[in-house]
Amino acid sequence: MKYEIEKNDLYYVLTPKEEKIDSVLAPTLKADLITYEVEGAKNIIIDLKNVKFMDSSGLSALLVGNRTFREKNCSFVICNINSHIQKVLQISKLDTVLDILPSCQEAIDSIQLDEIEKGMN
């Protein structure tokens, strides 16, 4: 799977360059998310601006990433989803489980606020 990736100390922004995340590509996404966690990524933003279609395998990959990062008290945020993916998330009720924000900048701001709150506690 091809990505554009921005890494910094606070978060990684992972932007798939694929139009579909399906049973062919989802296993790679799962493995890559686990690799980034092992690599030391504190928080992950998945920018789906290029993704037009996602099936249940893609949703499963997102759930693996969410669980992996949440277990470490880190953020896992999805942004820039289209109406098709939004409907799939709503039908599966995953819109209530996953952090979904409209834009990448809002996801970055959310992570920065979370990190400030963690520092205050």
N, C-alpha and C. Protein backbone atom coordinates (compact mmCIF):
# COMPACT_ATOMS: atom_id res chain seq x y z
N MET A 1 0.85 -1.18 0.00
CA MET A 1 0.00 0.00 0.00
C MET A 1 0.89 1.23 0.00
N LYS A 2 0.54 2.20 -0.79
CA LYS A 2 1.33 3.42 -0.90
C LYS A 2 0.72 4.51 -0.02
N TYR A 3 1.60 5.23 0.67
CA TYR A 3 1.18 6.30 1.57
C TYR A 3 2.01 7.55 1.35
N GLU A 4 1.43 8.64 1.76
CA GLU A 4 2.19 9.85 2.01
C GLU A 4 2.20 9.91 3.53
N ILE A 5 3.38 10.08 4.12
CA ILE A 5 3.44 10.06 5.58
C ILE A 5 4.23 11.25 6.10
N GLU A 6 3.66 11.89 7.09
CA GLU A 6 4.32 13.00 7.76
C GLU A 6 4.57 12.55 9.20
N LYS A 7 5.83 12.55 9.58
CA LYS A 7 6.18 12.11 10.93
C LYS A 7 6.75 13.29 11.72
N ASN A 8 6.29 13.43 12.94
CA ASN A 8 6.94 14.35 13.87
C ASN A 8 6.84 13.75 15.27
N ASP A 9 7.35 14.43 16.25
CA ASP A 9 7.40 13.88 17.60
C ASP A 9 6.01 13.64 18.21
N LEU A 10 5.04 14.42 17.81
CA LEU A 10 3.72 14.36 18.44
C LEU A 10 2.76 13.41 17.73
N TYR A 11 2.85 13.30 16.40
CA TYR A 11 1.90 12.48 15.63
C TYR A 11 2.48 12.11 14.28
N TYR A 12 1.88 11.10 13.70
CA TYR A 12 2.12 10.72 12.31
C TYR A 12 0.82 10.98 11.55
N VAL A 13 0.92 11.56 10.37
CA VAL A 13 -0.23 11.68 9.48
C VAL A 13 0.00 10.70 8.35
N LEU A 14 -0.89 9.76 8.24
CA LEU A 14 -0.80 8.70 7.24
C LEU A 14 -1.90 8.95 6.21
N THR A 15 -1.50 9.22 4.96
CA THR A 15 -2.45 9.49 3.89
C THR A 15 -2.31 8.42 2.82
N PRO A 16 -3.24 7.46 2.79
CA PRO A 16 -3.17 6.44 1.73
C PRO A 16 -3.31 7.09 0.35
N LYS A 17 -2.52 6.61 -0.59
CA LYS A 17 -2.60 7.09 -1.97
C LYS A 17 -3.48 6.19 -2.82
N GLU A 18 -4.26 5.36 -2.17
CA GLU A 18 -5.13 4.41 -2.85
C GLU A 18 -6.56 4.93 -2.84
N GLU A 19 -7.34 4.54 -3.85
CA GLU A 19 -8.75 4.92 -3.90
C GLU A 19 -9.63 3.93 -3.16
N LYS A 20 -9.12 2.70 -2.97
CA LYS A 20 -9.90 1.67 -2.28
C LYS A 20 -9.06 1.05 -1.18
N ILE A 21 -9.67 0.86 -0.04
CA ILE A 21 -9.05 0.05 1.01
C ILE A 21 -9.99 -1.13 1.20
N ASP A 22 -9.57 -2.26 0.64
CA ASP A 22 -10.40 -3.46 0.62
C ASP A 22 -9.60 -4.65 1.12
N SER A 23 -10.08 -5.85 0.88
CA SER A 23 -9.44 -7.06 1.40
C SER A 23 -8.03 -7.26 0.85
N VAL A 24 -7.71 -6.61 -0.26
CA VAL A 24 -6.36 -6.72 -0.82
C VAL A 24 -5.38 -5.84 -0.05
N LEU A 25 -5.80 -4.63 0.30
CA LEU A 25 -4.89 -3.66 0.92
C LEU A 25 -5.00 -3.56 2.44
N ALA A 26 -6.13 -3.95 3.00
CA ALA A 26 -6.35 -3.80 4.44
C ALA A 26 -5.32 -4.53 5.30
N PRO A 27 -4.89 -5.76 4.95
CA PRO A 27 -3.88 -6.41 5.80
C PRO A 27 -2.58 -5.61 5.89
N THR A 28 -2.21 -4.96 4.80
CA THR A 28 -1.00 -4.13 4.81
C THR A 28 -1.19 -2.93 5.72
N LEU A 29 -2.37 -2.32 5.66
CA LEU A 29 -2.65 -1.18 6.54
C LEU A 29 -2.58 -1.60 8.00
N LYS A 30 -3.17 -2.73 8.35
CA LYS A 30 -3.11 -3.24 9.73
C LYS A 30 -1.66 -3.41 10.17
N ALA A 31 -0.88 -4.08 9.34
CA ALA A 31 0.52 -4.35 9.68
C ALA A 31 1.30 -3.04 9.83
N ASP A 32 1.04 -2.10 8.94
CA ASP A 32 1.76 -0.82 9.00
C ASP A 32 1.40 -0.04 10.26
N LEU A 33 0.14 -0.06 10.66
CA LEU A 33 -0.26 0.65 11.88
C LEU A 33 0.43 0.06 13.10
N ILE A 34 0.51 -1.25 13.16
CA ILE A 34 1.21 -1.90 14.28
C ILE A 34 2.69 -1.56 14.24
N THR A 35 3.26 -1.54 13.05
CA THR A 35 4.68 -1.17 12.90
C THR A 35 4.94 0.25 13.40
N TYR A 36 4.06 1.19 13.04
CA TYR A 36 4.25 2.58 13.49
C TYR A 36 4.15 2.68 15.00
N GLU A 37 3.28 1.89 15.61
CA GLU A 37 3.17 1.90 17.06
C GLU A 37 4.47 1.39 17.68
N VAL A 38 5.00 0.30 17.15
CA VAL A 38 6.26 -0.26 17.65
C VAL A 38 7.41 0.72 17.42
N GLU A 39 7.34 1.43 16.30
CA GLU A 39 8.36 2.42 15.94
C GLU A 39 8.36 3.60 16.89
N GLY A 40 7.26 3.79 17.63
CA GLY A 40 7.22 4.86 18.61
C GLY A 40 6.27 6.00 18.30
N ALA A 41 5.42 5.82 17.30
CA ALA A 41 4.44 6.87 17.01
C ALA A 41 3.55 7.07 18.23
N LYS A 42 3.39 8.31 18.65
CA LYS A 42 2.56 8.59 19.82
C LYS A 42 1.09 8.65 19.44
N ASN A 43 0.79 9.25 18.32
CA ASN A 43 -0.59 9.44 17.87
C ASN A 43 -0.62 9.28 16.36
N ILE A 44 -1.74 8.83 15.84
CA ILE A 44 -1.89 8.61 14.40
C ILE A 44 -3.11 9.36 13.88
N ILE A 45 -2.92 10.00 12.75
CA ILE A 45 -4.03 10.59 12.00
C ILE A 45 -4.07 9.86 10.66
N ILE A 46 -5.23 9.31 10.33
CA ILE A 46 -5.43 8.68 9.04
C ILE A 46 -6.24 9.66 8.19
N ASP A 47 -5.59 10.21 7.18
CA ASP A 47 -6.24 11.17 6.28
C ASP A 47 -6.75 10.41 5.06
N LEU A 48 -8.07 10.28 4.96
CA LEU A 48 -8.68 9.47 3.91
C LEU A 48 -9.12 10.31 2.70
N LYS A 49 -8.47 11.45 2.47
CA LYS A 49 -8.89 12.33 1.39
C LYS A 49 -8.84 11.67 0.01
N ASN A 50 -7.97 10.68 -0.19
CA ASN A 50 -7.86 10.02 -1.49
C ASN A 50 -8.72 8.77 -1.60
N VAL A 51 -9.23 8.28 -0.48
CA VAL A 51 -9.95 7.01 -0.45
C VAL A 51 -11.42 7.23 -0.77
N LYS A 52 -11.89 6.56 -1.81
CA LYS A 52 -13.27 6.70 -2.25
C LYS A 52 -14.14 5.51 -1.80
N PHE A 53 -13.51 4.37 -1.50
CA PHE A 53 -14.25 3.17 -1.14
C PHE A 53 -13.52 2.41 -0.04
N MET A 54 -14.29 1.89 0.90
CA MET A 54 -13.72 1.05 1.95
C MET A 54 -14.72 -0.04 2.28
N ASP A 55 -14.24 -1.28 2.34
CA ASP A 55 -15.13 -2.39 2.71
C ASP A 55 -14.89 -2.78 4.16
N SER A 56 -15.48 -3.89 4.57
CA SER A 56 -15.36 -4.32 5.98
C SER A 56 -13.92 -4.63 6.37
N SER A 57 -13.10 -5.05 5.42
CA SER A 57 -11.68 -5.29 5.72
C SER A 57 -10.96 -3.99 6.06
N GLY A 58 -11.30 -2.94 5.35
CA GLY A 58 -10.73 -1.62 5.65
C GLY A 58 -11.17 -1.12 7.01
N LEU A 59 -12.45 -1.33 7.32
CA LEU A 59 -12.96 -0.94 8.64
C LEU A 59 -12.24 -1.71 9.74
N SER A 60 -12.00 -2.99 9.49
CA SER A 60 -11.28 -3.82 10.46
C SER A 60 -9.88 -3.27 10.70
N ALA A 61 -9.22 -2.83 9.64
CA ALA A 61 -7.87 -2.26 9.78
C ALA A 61 -7.92 -1.00 10.65
N LEU A 62 -8.94 -0.17 10.45
CA LEU A 62 -9.08 1.03 11.27
C LEU A 62 -9.32 0.67 12.74
N LEU A 63 -10.12 -0.36 12.97
CA LEU A 63 -10.37 -0.80 14.34
C LEU A 63 -9.12 -1.33 15.02
N VAL A 64 -8.30 -2.06 14.28
CA VAL A 64 -7.02 -2.54 14.83
C VAL A 64 -6.14 -1.36 15.22
N GLY A 65 -6.05 -0.37 14.33
CA GLY A 65 -5.26 0.82 14.64
C GLY A 65 -5.81 1.55 15.85
N ASN A 66 -7.12 1.71 15.90
CA ASN A 66 -7.74 2.39 17.03
C ASN A 66 -7.44 1.68 18.34
N ARG A 67 -7.62 0.37 18.36
CA ARG A 67 -7.36 -0.41 19.58
C ARG A 67 -5.88 -0.34 19.97
N THR A 68 -5.00 -0.48 18.99
CA THR A 68 -3.56 -0.48 19.25
C THR A 68 -3.12 0.81 19.91
N PHE A 69 -3.58 1.94 19.40
CA PHE A 69 -3.14 3.23 19.94
C PHE A 69 -3.90 3.61 21.21
N ARG A 70 -5.17 3.26 21.30
CA ARG A 70 -5.94 3.57 22.50
C ARG A 70 -5.42 2.81 23.72
N GLU A 71 -4.94 1.58 23.51
CA GLU A 71 -4.39 0.80 24.63
C GLU A 71 -3.18 1.48 25.23
N LYS A 72 -2.50 2.30 24.45
CA LYS A 72 -1.32 3.04 24.94
C LYS A 72 -1.68 4.46 25.38
N ASN A 73 -2.98 4.75 25.49
CA ASN A 73 -3.46 6.08 25.84
C ASN A 73 -3.01 7.13 24.82
N CYS A 74 -3.02 6.73 23.57
CA CYS A 74 -2.66 7.62 22.46
C CYS A 74 -3.89 7.89 21.61
N SER A 75 -3.79 8.87 20.73
CA SER A 75 -4.91 9.22 19.86
C SER A 75 -4.81 8.52 18.52
N PHE A 76 -5.97 8.16 18.00
CA PHE A 76 -6.11 7.59 16.66
C PHE A 76 -7.29 8.31 16.04
N VAL A 77 -7.00 9.18 15.07
CA VAL A 77 -8.03 10.06 14.50
C VAL A 77 -8.11 9.84 13.00
N ILE A 78 -9.33 9.81 12.50
CA ILE A 78 -9.57 9.68 11.06
C ILE A 78 -10.15 10.99 10.57
N CYS A 79 -9.70 11.44 9.41
CA CYS A 79 -10.22 12.70 8.88
C CYS A 79 -10.42 12.62 7.37
N ASN A 80 -11.12 13.62 6.87
CA ASN A 80 -11.38 13.79 5.43
C ASN A 80 -12.07 12.58 4.80
N ILE A 81 -13.12 12.11 5.45
CA ILE A 81 -13.85 10.97 4.88
C ILE A 81 -14.94 11.48 3.93
N ASN A 82 -15.20 10.68 2.90
CA ASN A 82 -16.26 11.06 1.96
C ASN A 82 -17.61 10.52 2.43
N SER A 83 -18.65 10.83 1.68
CA SER A 83 -20.00 10.45 2.12
C SER A 83 -20.20 8.93 2.11
N HIS A 84 -19.58 8.21 1.17
CA HIS A 84 -19.72 6.75 1.14
C HIS A 84 -19.13 6.13 2.42
N ILE A 85 -17.92 6.53 2.77
CA ILE A 85 -17.27 5.97 3.96
C ILE A 85 -18.05 6.40 5.22
N GLN A 86 -18.55 7.62 5.23
CA GLN A 86 -19.36 8.09 6.36
C GLN A 86 -20.58 7.20 6.54
N LYS A 87 -21.25 6.85 5.45
CA LYS A 87 -22.44 5.99 5.53
C LYS A 87 -22.07 4.60 6.04
N VAL A 88 -20.97 4.05 5.55
CA VAL A 88 -20.52 2.72 6.00
C VAL A 88 -20.22 2.75 7.50
N LEU A 89 -19.58 3.81 7.96
CA LEU A 89 -19.27 3.94 9.39
C LEU A 89 -20.54 4.09 10.21
N GLN A 90 -21.52 4.82 9.70
CA GLN A 90 -22.77 5.00 10.42
C GLN A 90 -23.57 3.70 10.48
N ILE A 91 -23.65 3.00 9.36
CA ILE A 91 -24.40 1.74 9.33
C ILE A 91 -23.80 0.72 10.30
N SER A 92 -22.47 0.69 10.37
CA SER A 92 -21.80 -0.26 11.25
C SER A 92 -21.66 0.26 12.68
N LYS A 93 -22.15 1.48 12.91
CA LYS A 93 -22.08 2.14 14.23
C LYS A 93 -20.64 2.45 14.66
N LEU A 94 -19.70 2.37 13.73
CA LEU A 94 -18.31 2.67 14.07
C LEU A 94 -18.06 4.17 14.20
N ASP A 95 -19.00 4.97 13.72
CA ASP A 95 -18.86 6.41 13.90
C ASP A 95 -18.95 6.79 15.37
N THR A 96 -19.47 5.88 16.21
CA THR A 96 -19.53 6.14 17.65
C THR A 96 -18.30 5.62 18.38
N VAL A 97 -17.48 4.83 17.68
CA VAL A 97 -16.29 4.22 18.28
C VAL A 97 -15.03 4.99 17.88
N LEU A 98 -14.96 5.38 16.63
CA LEU A 98 -13.76 6.03 16.09
C LEU A 98 -13.85 7.54 16.23
N ASP A 99 -12.70 8.19 16.42
CA ASP A 99 -12.64 9.65 16.40
C ASP A 99 -12.54 10.08 14.95
N ILE A 100 -13.56 10.80 14.48
CA ILE A 100 -13.63 11.24 13.10
C ILE A 100 -13.78 12.75 13.10
N LEU A 101 -12.87 13.42 12.39
CA LEU A 101 -12.93 14.87 12.29
C LEU A 101 -12.93 15.27 10.81
N PRO A 102 -13.51 16.44 10.51
CA PRO A 102 -13.65 16.84 9.11
C PRO A 102 -12.35 17.10 8.36
N SER A 103 -11.34 17.64 9.05
CA SER A 103 -10.11 18.01 8.34
C SER A 103 -8.86 17.54 9.10
N CYS A 104 -7.78 17.51 8.38
CA CYS A 104 -6.50 17.12 8.98
C CYS A 104 -6.07 18.15 10.03
N GLN A 105 -6.31 19.42 9.77
CA GLN A 105 -5.92 20.45 10.73
C GLN A 105 -6.69 20.30 12.04
N GLU A 106 -7.96 19.96 11.94
CA GLU A 106 -8.75 19.74 13.16
C GLU A 106 -8.25 18.52 13.92
N ALA A 107 -7.81 17.50 13.21
CA ALA A 107 -7.25 16.31 13.85
C ALA A 107 -5.95 16.67 14.58
N ILE A 108 -5.10 17.45 13.93
CA ILE A 108 -3.84 17.89 14.55
C ILE A 108 -4.14 18.72 15.80
N ASP A 109 -5.09 19.65 15.69
CA ASP A 109 -5.45 20.49 16.83
C ASP A 109 -5.97 19.64 17.99
N SER A 110 -6.78 18.64 17.68
CA SER A 110 -7.33 17.75 18.70
C SER A 110 -6.22 17.00 19.43
N ILE A 111 -5.27 16.49 18.69
CA ILE A 111 -4.15 15.76 19.30
C ILE A 111 -3.32 16.70 20.16
N GLN A 112 -3.06 17.90 19.67
CA GLN A 112 -2.28 18.86 20.47
C GLN A 112 -3.00 19.19 21.78
N LEU A 113 -4.31 19.37 21.74
CA LEU A 113 -5.06 19.63 22.96
C LEU A 113 -5.01 18.44 23.91
N ASP A 114 -5.15 17.23 23.37
CA ASP A 114 -5.06 16.03 24.20
C ASP A 114 -3.70 15.95 24.90
N GLU A 115 -2.65 16.26 24.16
CA GLU A 115 -1.30 16.18 24.75
C GLU A 115 -1.11 17.24 25.82
N ILE A 116 -1.69 18.42 25.62
CA ILE A 116 -1.61 19.48 26.65
C ILE A 116 -2.34 19.01 27.91
N GLU A 117 -3.53 18.42 27.73
CA GLU A 117 -4.29 17.90 28.88
C GLU A 117 -3.53 16.80 29.61
N LYS A 118 -2.88 15.91 28.87
CA LYS A 118 -2.09 14.85 29.49
C LYS A 118 -0.95 15.44 30.31
N GLY A 119 -0.35 16.50 29.81
CA GLY A 119 0.75 17.15 30.51
C GLY A 119 0.30 17.85 31.78
N MET A 120 -0.95 18.25 31.82
CA MET A 120 -1.47 18.95 33.01
C MET A 120 -1.85 17.96 34.11
N ASN A 121 -2.07 16.70 33.74
CA ASN A 121 -2.51 15.71 34.75
C ASN A 121 -1.35 15.07 35.43
